[in-house]
Every structure is written in structure tokens, then in C-alpha cells.
Amino acid sequence: MRVQGDIASFTLAATLPDYRGRGLHAGLLRKRIETAASCGARFVAAQASFGSGSYRNMERAGLKLAYLRAIWTMG
């Protein structure tokens, strides 16, 4: 996590496959939000694949979607 001014950037928060499904990512996310707020951040920037477990954890933690980025492939 990086805090600059009133913006916190959450990057590189992955859970190893053997430890998934135990609430670790959600717990880490809650702690990062708490720490960011205590450092004066009012906004959080993070990214996740739409509909993924990380995406759902972020929504459950109170984060709201700001925009979608489309990735197009030849098919």
C-alpha cells in the first residue's frame, strides 16, 4: 500500500492458492483500509478483474466501482 496525500493505492495483494477461501484477502483489505484512513487517505485506488473474488471482497469492504477497463482480443 502507498499513501500520497489523501489517496491510498492498493497493489499486489494476492493470496496463494493453498490459502484461498479462508478470508485472508478480505482481512488484509480491511486492515489496509483502516491503515490508509489513519494515514489521512480519503480515497482508495485498487484494481481487480470484474466479478472476481477480489472484486467481491472490495465491494463487501465498502469500495465502489469507479470505472471499467475493457480488454479486447481477437477471437
Protein backbone atom coordinates (compact mmCIF):
# COMPACT_ATOMS: atom_id res chain seq x y z
CA MET A 1 0.00 0.00 0.00
CA ARG A 2 1.13 3.52 -0.79
CA VAL A 3 -0.46 6.67 0.59
CA GLN A 4 0.17 10.00 -1.09
CA GLY A 5 -1.87 12.92 0.15
CA ASP A 6 -5.46 11.74 0.55
CA ILE A 7 -5.17 8.80 -1.89
CA ALA A 8 -4.15 5.27 -0.97
CA SER A 9 -3.07 2.85 -3.69
CA PHE A 10 -3.59 -0.84 -3.01
CA THR A 11 -1.49 -3.05 -5.26
CA LEU A 12 -0.13 -6.59 -5.34
CA ALA A 13 -2.43 -8.20 -2.77
CA ALA A 14 -2.65 -11.82 -3.84
CA THR A 15 -3.43 -14.87 -1.75
CA LEU A 16 -1.57 -18.08 -2.55
CA PRO A 17 -3.88 -20.80 -3.90
CA ASP A 18 -3.41 -23.08 -0.87
CA TYR A 19 -4.68 -20.32 1.44
CA ARG A 20 -7.67 -19.09 -0.57
CA GLY A 21 -11.19 -19.34 0.78
CA ARG A 22 -10.16 -18.54 4.35
CA GLY A 23 -10.91 -14.82 4.41
CA LEU A 24 -7.26 -13.73 4.25
CA HIS A 25 -7.70 -11.34 1.32
CA ALA A 26 -10.77 -9.75 2.90
CA GLY A 27 -8.92 -9.35 6.21
CA LEU A 28 -5.89 -7.79 4.52
CA LEU A 29 -8.17 -5.43 2.61
CA ARG A 30 -9.97 -4.33 5.79
CA LYS A 31 -6.62 -3.70 7.52
CA ARG A 32 -5.28 -1.72 4.55
CA ILE A 33 -8.40 0.46 4.51
CA GLU A 34 -8.07 1.07 8.25
CA THR A 35 -4.36 1.91 7.93
CA ALA A 36 -4.94 4.16 4.92
CA ALA A 37 -7.61 6.10 6.82
CA SER A 38 -5.32 6.52 9.83
CA CYS A 39 -2.69 7.96 7.45
CA GLY A 40 -5.17 10.56 6.19
CA ALA A 41 -6.34 8.88 2.98
CA ARG A 42 -9.89 9.65 1.92
CA PHE A 43 -9.80 7.70 -1.34
CA VAL A 44 -8.56 4.25 -2.35
CA ALA A 45 -7.34 3.16 -5.78
CA ALA A 46 -7.28 -0.59 -6.44
CA GLN A 47 -7.91 -2.96 -9.31
CA ALA A 48 -9.34 -6.42 -9.77
CA SER A 49 -10.88 -8.45 -12.55
CA PHE A 50 -14.60 -7.74 -12.81
CA GLY A 51 -16.61 -10.27 -10.81
CA SER A 52 -13.53 -11.95 -9.30
CA GLY A 53 -13.16 -12.90 -5.65
CA SER A 54 -11.00 -9.80 -5.13
CA TYR A 55 -13.67 -7.65 -6.75
CA ARG A 56 -16.35 -9.09 -4.47
CA ASN A 57 -14.14 -8.60 -1.40
CA MET A 58 -13.61 -4.95 -2.33
CA GLU A 59 -17.36 -4.39 -2.70
CA ARG A 60 -18.04 -6.10 0.64
CA ALA A 61 -15.41 -3.85 2.25
CA GLY A 62 -17.36 -0.80 1.06
CA LEU A 63 -15.35 0.17 -2.02
CA LYS A 64 -17.32 1.25 -5.08
CA LEU A 65 -16.52 0.71 -8.74
CA ALA A 66 -15.18 3.87 -10.39
CA TYR A 67 -14.67 2.62 -13.96
CA LEU A 68 -14.24 -0.48 -16.11
CA ARG A 69 -11.37 -1.16 -18.48
CA ALA A 70 -12.16 -3.39 -21.44
CA ILE A 71 -9.54 -5.78 -22.75
CA TRP A 72 -10.30 -6.89 -26.31
CA THR A 73 -8.91 -9.97 -28.03
CA MET A 74 -9.21 -11.48 -31.48
CA GLY A 75 -11.41 -14.47 -31.26
